[in-house]
């Protein structure tokens, strides 16, 4: 299986790293922001750098939309997985149009309020996962997988 991970750095990426024993078994690539801590964490991994900042930054959202088209055509992943944030939205929208499966994991620290990216991606995601039962208030069809950290 070929997996494309789309994630922001920091806590978002940190929630995917504990899943290493799973994702190391698959061909994978990453889309994230080029920052020193990300370069260290993903040393040796195949990475496409996306545009940031993304939070309500329309020009970068448009750039990432076109980057998503190019990247998905090149990578041809079987599934896209993301913990958010902003970069996930254009990739999930293009994946939806292209018929690529998606898995979204809502952030660990957003217990009482949904993320903007989660709200946008929820209706078009094949598998939406949460880490707290309280998050199902906003995402009733989500699967609670428990905390990954």
Foldseek 3Di string as FASTA:
>chain_A
DEEEEEEEDDQFVVLCVLVCVVPVVHHYEYEYADDPVVCVSQPPGHYDYADDDQVVPVVSLVRLLVVLVVVCVVRVGQEYEGQDDRSVQSNLVVCLVVVRAYEYEHGPPPQQHGHPRCLRNLVRHPAYEYADPSCCVVVVVHHHPHGSD
